Structure formats: C-alpha cells, structure tokens
Amino acid sequence: MTGHTSRVWSVAFSPDGHTLASGSDDCTARLWDVTTGKLRTTLTGHTNAVTSVAFSPNGRLLATGSGDNTVRLWDAALRESDAAVHKICRSVNRDLTADERASYLPGQSGHACPSG
C-alpha cells in the first residue's frame, strides 16, 4: 500500500478487518481496502504528523491524534464507491471530469460512469 509521502507512524485494522487506517508525517490519515490494497480515502485537516489512529468498537468512527495537539473524529463508515459514483453520474447526467475522478476515485483512469 503506497500513498503517504513520508513516514507512517501508526496503523489500525477496523473491527471487521476490511479497512486499514494509517497515520503519517504528511499530516494525513488514510483508509485502505484490505482486500484490494487500494486507497479508499485520504483524511486531511491536521497540521502536524498523525501519530495515532484507532477505530471505535463498531468501526464507524476513526480517531486520529496529531503532533498539532489535536484529536479528530472521522466518519469511517464509507459507502460503497461504485454505488456512490453511479449516483453522482445519474445526478449530473455526464461522466466525471479528470479532476473529479482524481478526487473521488484516486488512481483510476478512464470513464467512471457507465454508458447508457
């Protein structure tokens, strides 16, 4: 799993074992799909290294601790990306732009919306 641009300080598996969270010197926490190894989302907002990550017992929240002397709580219950992307496609009635694909589907190229 690659994506952080500097040292990773902490990792934690979600209670169901499907998601891995990581915290890094790059001031981000990231959520990874354990089965595919793909990045699911990047959590930004800290202004210093994210040195600790921990899931709530039900896996719906992720707590991150940082060298910026803050703790943040994040919604870790991610929707299935395919269903969310298809809903966006139907709403805007077009394919996603390259910038939108980079934001919503990091690392994916080509058409995001099904044709037809």
N, C-alpha and C. Protein backbone atom coordinates (compact mmCIF):
# COMPACT_ATOMS: atom_id res chain seq x y z
N MET A 1 0.85 -1.17 0.00
CA MET A 1 0.00 0.00 0.00
C MET A 1 0.89 1.23 0.00
N THR A 2 0.79 1.99 -1.03
CA THR A 2 1.60 3.21 -1.12
C THR A 2 0.69 4.41 -1.30
N GLY A 3 1.15 5.55 -0.83
CA GLY A 3 0.36 6.76 -0.96
C GLY A 3 0.84 7.87 -0.05
N HIS A 4 1.28 7.51 1.15
CA HIS A 4 1.83 8.55 2.02
C HIS A 4 3.14 9.05 1.42
N THR A 5 3.44 10.30 1.68
CA THR A 5 4.67 10.88 1.13
C THR A 5 5.79 10.94 2.17
N SER A 6 5.54 10.44 3.36
CA SER A 6 6.57 10.40 4.40
C SER A 6 6.26 9.29 5.41
N ARG A 7 7.00 9.26 6.49
CA ARG A 7 6.95 8.18 7.47
C ARG A 7 5.54 7.91 7.99
N VAL A 8 5.19 6.64 8.09
CA VAL A 8 3.91 6.22 8.68
C VAL A 8 4.18 5.89 10.15
N TRP A 9 3.40 6.50 11.03
CA TRP A 9 3.58 6.33 12.47
C TRP A 9 2.66 5.30 13.09
N SER A 10 1.48 5.13 12.54
CA SER A 10 0.50 4.28 13.19
C SER A 10 -0.41 3.63 12.16
N VAL A 11 -0.82 2.40 12.45
CA VAL A 11 -1.81 1.71 11.63
C VAL A 11 -2.79 0.99 12.55
N ALA A 12 -4.01 0.78 12.06
CA ALA A 12 -5.02 0.03 12.82
C ALA A 12 -6.00 -0.61 11.85
N PHE A 13 -6.38 -1.84 12.14
CA PHE A 13 -7.42 -2.52 11.37
C PHE A 13 -8.79 -2.17 11.96
N SER A 14 -9.78 -2.02 11.07
CA SER A 14 -11.15 -1.84 11.52
C SER A 14 -11.60 -3.13 12.20
N PRO A 15 -12.62 -3.06 13.06
CA PRO A 15 -13.08 -4.27 13.75
C PRO A 15 -13.49 -5.40 12.81
N ASP A 16 -14.03 -5.06 11.62
CA ASP A 16 -14.43 -6.12 10.69
C ASP A 16 -13.26 -6.63 9.85
N GLY A 17 -12.09 -5.99 9.97
CA GLY A 17 -10.91 -6.43 9.25
C GLY A 17 -10.86 -6.04 7.78
N HIS A 18 -11.82 -5.26 7.31
CA HIS A 18 -11.87 -4.90 5.88
C HIS A 18 -11.13 -3.62 5.54
N THR A 19 -10.87 -2.78 6.55
CA THR A 19 -10.24 -1.48 6.32
C THR A 19 -9.02 -1.34 7.21
N LEU A 20 -7.95 -0.76 6.65
CA LEU A 20 -6.76 -0.44 7.41
C LEU A 20 -6.62 1.08 7.42
N ALA A 21 -6.41 1.66 8.59
CA ALA A 21 -6.15 3.09 8.72
C ALA A 21 -4.67 3.29 8.96
N SER A 22 -4.11 4.37 8.40
CA SER A 22 -2.71 4.70 8.63
C SER A 22 -2.58 6.19 8.88
N GLY A 23 -1.62 6.56 9.74
CA GLY A 23 -1.35 7.96 10.04
C GLY A 23 0.10 8.26 9.75
N SER A 24 0.38 9.46 9.23
CA SER A 24 1.71 9.74 8.71
C SER A 24 2.22 11.14 9.03
N ASP A 25 3.54 11.31 8.81
CA ASP A 25 4.19 12.61 8.91
C ASP A 25 3.62 13.61 7.90
N ASP A 26 2.96 13.13 6.85
CA ASP A 26 2.42 14.04 5.83
C ASP A 26 1.11 14.70 6.27
N CYS A 27 0.80 14.61 7.58
CA CYS A 27 -0.38 15.26 8.19
C CYS A 27 -1.69 14.64 7.75
N THR A 28 -1.67 13.42 7.22
CA THR A 28 -2.89 12.77 6.77
C THR A 28 -3.08 11.43 7.45
N ALA A 29 -4.33 11.01 7.44
CA ALA A 29 -4.68 9.62 7.75
C ALA A 29 -5.30 9.08 6.48
N ARG A 30 -5.10 7.82 6.23
CA ARG A 30 -5.66 7.21 5.02
C ARG A 30 -6.37 5.92 5.39
N LEU A 31 -7.42 5.64 4.65
CA LEU A 31 -8.16 4.39 4.82
C LEU A 31 -7.96 3.54 3.58
N TRP A 32 -7.60 2.28 3.78
CA TRP A 32 -7.26 1.36 2.71
C TRP A 32 -8.20 0.18 2.71
N ASP A 33 -8.53 -0.32 1.53
CA ASP A 33 -9.28 -1.56 1.39
C ASP A 33 -8.29 -2.70 1.55
N VAL A 34 -8.47 -3.51 2.58
CA VAL A 34 -7.52 -4.58 2.89
C VAL A 34 -7.50 -5.64 1.78
N THR A 35 -8.64 -5.93 1.19
CA THR A 35 -8.72 -6.97 0.17
C THR A 35 -7.96 -6.60 -1.08
N THR A 36 -8.13 -5.35 -1.55
CA THR A 36 -7.51 -4.93 -2.81
C THR A 36 -6.21 -4.15 -2.62
N GLY A 37 -5.99 -3.60 -1.42
CA GLY A 37 -4.83 -2.77 -1.18
C GLY A 37 -4.99 -1.35 -1.70
N LYS A 38 -6.17 -1.03 -2.21
CA LYS A 38 -6.39 0.29 -2.80
C LYS A 38 -6.78 1.32 -1.74
N LEU A 39 -6.37 2.54 -1.99
CA LEU A 39 -6.73 3.66 -1.14
C LEU A 39 -8.23 3.92 -1.26
N ARG A 40 -8.90 4.01 -0.12
CA ARG A 40 -10.34 4.32 -0.13
C ARG A 40 -10.57 5.81 0.05
N THR A 41 -9.80 6.44 0.95
CA THR A 41 -9.93 7.89 1.14
C THR A 41 -8.75 8.43 1.92
N THR A 42 -8.50 9.72 1.75
CA THR A 42 -7.47 10.43 2.49
C THR A 42 -8.16 11.45 3.38
N LEU A 43 -7.80 11.45 4.65
CA LEU A 43 -8.39 12.36 5.63
C LEU A 43 -7.39 13.47 5.92
N THR A 44 -7.76 14.70 5.60
CA THR A 44 -6.87 15.83 5.80
C THR A 44 -7.49 16.81 6.78
N GLY A 45 -6.65 17.55 7.47
CA GLY A 45 -7.12 18.53 8.43
C GLY A 45 -6.12 18.79 9.53
N HIS A 46 -5.30 17.80 9.85
CA HIS A 46 -4.26 18.02 10.85
C HIS A 46 -3.16 18.90 10.24
N THR A 47 -2.45 19.62 11.10
CA THR A 47 -1.37 20.49 10.64
C THR A 47 0.01 19.98 11.06
N ASN A 48 0.04 18.78 11.63
CA ASN A 48 1.30 18.14 12.00
C ASN A 48 1.10 16.64 11.83
N ALA A 49 2.15 15.88 12.03
CA ALA A 49 2.11 14.43 11.82
C ALA A 49 0.94 13.77 12.55
N VAL A 50 0.29 12.82 11.88
CA VAL A 50 -0.74 11.99 12.51
C VAL A 50 -0.01 10.79 13.11
N THR A 51 0.06 10.78 14.43
CA THR A 51 0.89 9.78 15.12
C THR A 51 0.09 8.62 15.69
N SER A 52 -1.24 8.75 15.70
CA SER A 52 -2.03 7.62 16.19
C SER A 52 -3.38 7.57 15.49
N VAL A 53 -3.84 6.34 15.25
CA VAL A 53 -5.15 6.09 14.64
C VAL A 53 -5.80 4.95 15.40
N ALA A 54 -7.12 5.06 15.61
CA ALA A 54 -7.85 3.99 16.30
C ALA A 54 -9.31 4.02 15.88
N PHE A 55 -9.87 2.84 15.61
CA PHE A 55 -11.27 2.71 15.27
C PHE A 55 -12.11 2.56 16.53
N SER A 56 -13.35 3.04 16.46
CA SER A 56 -14.32 2.78 17.52
C SER A 56 -14.68 1.29 17.47
N PRO A 57 -15.23 0.74 18.55
CA PRO A 57 -15.57 -0.68 18.56
C PRO A 57 -16.50 -1.11 17.43
N ASN A 58 -17.40 -0.23 16.97
CA ASN A 58 -18.31 -0.61 15.88
C ASN A 58 -17.72 -0.28 14.51
N GLY A 59 -16.54 0.35 14.46
CA GLY A 59 -15.87 0.64 13.20
C GLY A 59 -16.40 1.84 12.45
N ARG A 60 -17.37 2.54 12.99
CA ARG A 60 -17.97 3.67 12.28
C ARG A 60 -17.19 4.97 12.44
N LEU A 61 -16.37 5.06 13.48
CA LEU A 61 -15.57 6.26 13.71
C LEU A 61 -14.09 5.91 13.74
N LEU A 62 -13.27 6.86 13.27
CA LEU A 62 -11.83 6.73 13.38
C LEU A 62 -11.35 7.95 14.16
N ALA A 63 -10.56 7.72 15.19
CA ALA A 63 -9.94 8.80 15.95
C ALA A 63 -8.49 8.91 15.49
N THR A 64 -8.05 10.15 15.26
CA THR A 64 -6.65 10.39 14.90
C THR A 64 -6.07 11.38 15.89
N GLY A 65 -4.84 11.12 16.30
CA GLY A 65 -4.10 12.03 17.18
C GLY A 65 -2.91 12.57 16.43
N SER A 66 -2.58 13.84 16.68
CA SER A 66 -1.55 14.50 15.89
C SER A 66 -0.60 15.31 16.76
N GLY A 67 0.58 15.57 16.17
CA GLY A 67 1.55 16.45 16.78
C GLY A 67 1.08 17.90 16.84
N ASP A 68 -0.06 18.19 16.23
CA ASP A 68 -0.61 19.55 16.32
C ASP A 68 -1.46 19.71 17.59
N ASN A 69 -1.37 18.72 18.48
CA ASN A 69 -2.06 18.72 19.78
C ASN A 69 -3.58 18.65 19.65
N THR A 70 -4.06 17.98 18.59
CA THR A 70 -5.49 17.78 18.43
C THR A 70 -5.80 16.31 18.22
N VAL A 71 -7.03 15.98 18.52
CA VAL A 71 -7.60 14.68 18.20
C VAL A 71 -8.81 14.97 17.32
N ARG A 72 -8.95 14.23 16.26
CA ARG A 72 -10.10 14.41 15.36
C ARG A 72 -10.86 13.10 15.26
N LEU A 73 -12.16 13.22 15.09
CA LEU A 73 -13.02 12.06 14.84
C LEU A 73 -13.52 12.13 13.41
N TRP A 74 -13.45 11.01 12.71
CA TRP A 74 -13.83 10.94 11.30
C TRP A 74 -14.88 9.86 11.11
N ASP A 75 -15.76 10.07 10.15
CA ASP A 75 -16.73 9.06 9.76
C ASP A 75 -15.98 8.01 8.95
N ALA A 76 -15.84 6.83 9.50
CA ALA A 76 -15.09 5.76 8.83
C ALA A 76 -16.00 4.78 8.11
N ALA A 77 -17.30 4.98 8.19
CA ALA A 77 -18.26 4.10 7.52
C ALA A 77 -18.42 4.57 6.09
N LEU A 78 -17.52 4.14 5.23
CA LEU A 78 -17.50 4.59 3.85
C LEU A 78 -18.57 3.87 3.04
N ARG A 79 -19.24 4.61 2.19
CA ARG A 79 -20.20 4.00 1.28
C ARG A 79 -19.45 3.22 0.22
N GLU A 80 -20.11 2.26 -0.36
CA GLU A 80 -19.51 1.54 -1.47
C GLU A 80 -19.27 2.53 -2.60
N SER A 81 -18.03 2.64 -3.05
CA SER A 81 -17.68 3.67 -4.02
C SER A 81 -18.42 3.52 -5.34
N ASP A 82 -18.64 2.30 -5.82
CA ASP A 82 -19.35 2.13 -7.09
C ASP A 82 -20.75 2.70 -7.02
N ALA A 83 -21.47 2.41 -5.96
CA ALA A 83 -22.84 2.91 -5.82
C ALA A 83 -22.84 4.43 -5.71
N ALA A 84 -21.90 4.98 -4.96
CA ALA A 84 -21.83 6.44 -4.80
C ALA A 84 -21.50 7.12 -6.13
N VAL A 85 -20.54 6.57 -6.87
CA VAL A 85 -20.16 7.16 -8.15
C VAL A 85 -21.31 7.08 -9.15
N HIS A 86 -22.00 5.96 -9.20
CA HIS A 86 -23.15 5.83 -10.11
C HIS A 86 -24.24 6.84 -9.76
N LYS A 87 -24.44 7.08 -8.47
CA LYS A 87 -25.44 8.07 -8.06
C LYS A 87 -25.02 9.47 -8.52
N ILE A 88 -23.74 9.79 -8.40
CA ILE A 88 -23.23 11.08 -8.87
C ILE A 88 -23.42 11.19 -10.38
N CYS A 89 -23.08 10.14 -11.10
CA CYS A 89 -23.22 10.15 -12.57
C CYS A 89 -24.66 10.42 -12.98
N ARG A 90 -25.60 9.74 -12.32
CA ARG A 90 -27.01 9.96 -12.64
C ARG A 90 -27.44 11.39 -12.32
N SER A 91 -26.91 11.93 -11.23
CA SER A 91 -27.31 13.28 -10.81
C SER A 91 -26.82 14.35 -11.77
N VAL A 92 -25.57 14.22 -12.26
CA VAL A 92 -25.02 15.25 -13.14
C VAL A 92 -25.24 14.92 -14.61
N ASN A 93 -25.69 13.69 -14.89
CA ASN A 93 -26.00 13.26 -16.25
C ASN A 93 -24.81 13.39 -17.21
N ARG A 94 -23.64 13.00 -16.74
CA ARG A 94 -22.42 13.04 -17.56
C ARG A 94 -21.36 12.20 -16.86
N ASP A 95 -20.24 11.97 -17.56
CA ASP A 95 -19.10 11.30 -16.95
C ASP A 95 -18.38 12.29 -16.04
N LEU A 96 -17.59 11.77 -15.12
CA LEU A 96 -16.81 12.64 -14.25
C LEU A 96 -15.64 13.25 -15.02
N THR A 97 -15.26 14.48 -14.64
CA THR A 97 -14.08 15.11 -15.23
C THR A 97 -12.84 14.46 -14.63
N ALA A 98 -11.69 14.76 -15.21
CA ALA A 98 -10.43 14.20 -14.70
C ALA A 98 -10.20 14.65 -13.25
N ASP A 99 -10.50 15.91 -12.95
CA ASP A 99 -10.33 16.41 -11.57
C ASP A 99 -11.28 15.71 -10.60
N GLU A 100 -12.51 15.49 -11.03
CA GLU A 100 -13.47 14.79 -10.17
C GLU A 100 -13.04 13.35 -9.93
N ARG A 101 -12.55 12.68 -10.99
CA ARG A 101 -12.05 11.30 -10.84
C ARG A 101 -10.90 11.26 -9.85
N ALA A 102 -9.98 12.25 -9.95
CA ALA A 102 -8.83 12.29 -9.03
C ALA A 102 -9.29 12.47 -7.59
N SER A 103 -10.36 13.24 -7.38
CA SER A 103 -10.86 13.48 -6.03
C SER A 103 -11.62 12.28 -5.47
N TYR A 104 -12.52 11.71 -6.29
CA TYR A 104 -13.41 10.66 -5.81
C TYR A 104 -12.87 9.25 -6.01
N LEU A 105 -12.02 9.07 -7.03
CA LEU A 105 -11.51 7.74 -7.37
C LEU A 105 -10.01 7.80 -7.59
N PRO A 106 -9.23 8.06 -6.56
CA PRO A 106 -7.79 8.20 -6.75
C PRO A 106 -7.18 6.97 -7.40
N GLY A 107 -6.33 7.22 -8.39
CA GLY A 107 -5.63 6.13 -9.05
C GLY A 107 -6.40 5.48 -10.18
N GLN A 108 -7.64 5.90 -10.42
CA GLN A 108 -8.44 5.31 -11.50
C GLN A 108 -8.45 6.24 -12.69
N SER A 109 -8.23 5.70 -13.86
CA SER A 109 -8.30 6.49 -15.08
C SER A 109 -9.43 5.96 -15.95
N GLY A 110 -9.72 6.71 -17.01
CA GLY A 110 -10.79 6.28 -17.91
C GLY A 110 -12.16 6.74 -17.44
N HIS A 111 -13.19 6.16 -18.03
CA HIS A 111 -14.55 6.56 -17.71
C HIS A 111 -14.97 6.02 -16.36
N ALA A 112 -15.59 6.87 -15.56
CA ALA A 112 -16.09 6.44 -14.26
C ALA A 112 -17.55 6.04 -14.33
N CYS A 113 -18.30 6.71 -15.22
CA CYS A 113 -19.74 6.47 -15.32
C CYS A 113 -20.05 5.43 -16.40
N PRO A 114 -20.98 4.55 -16.07
CA PRO A 114 -21.37 3.56 -17.09
C PRO A 114 -22.07 4.26 -18.25
N SER A 115 -21.85 3.76 -19.44
CA SER A 115 -22.52 4.36 -20.59
C SER A 115 -23.93 3.79 -20.69
N GLY A 116 -24.81 4.63 -21.29
CA GLY A 116 -26.16 4.15 -21.49
C GLY A 116 -27.14 4.70 -20.60
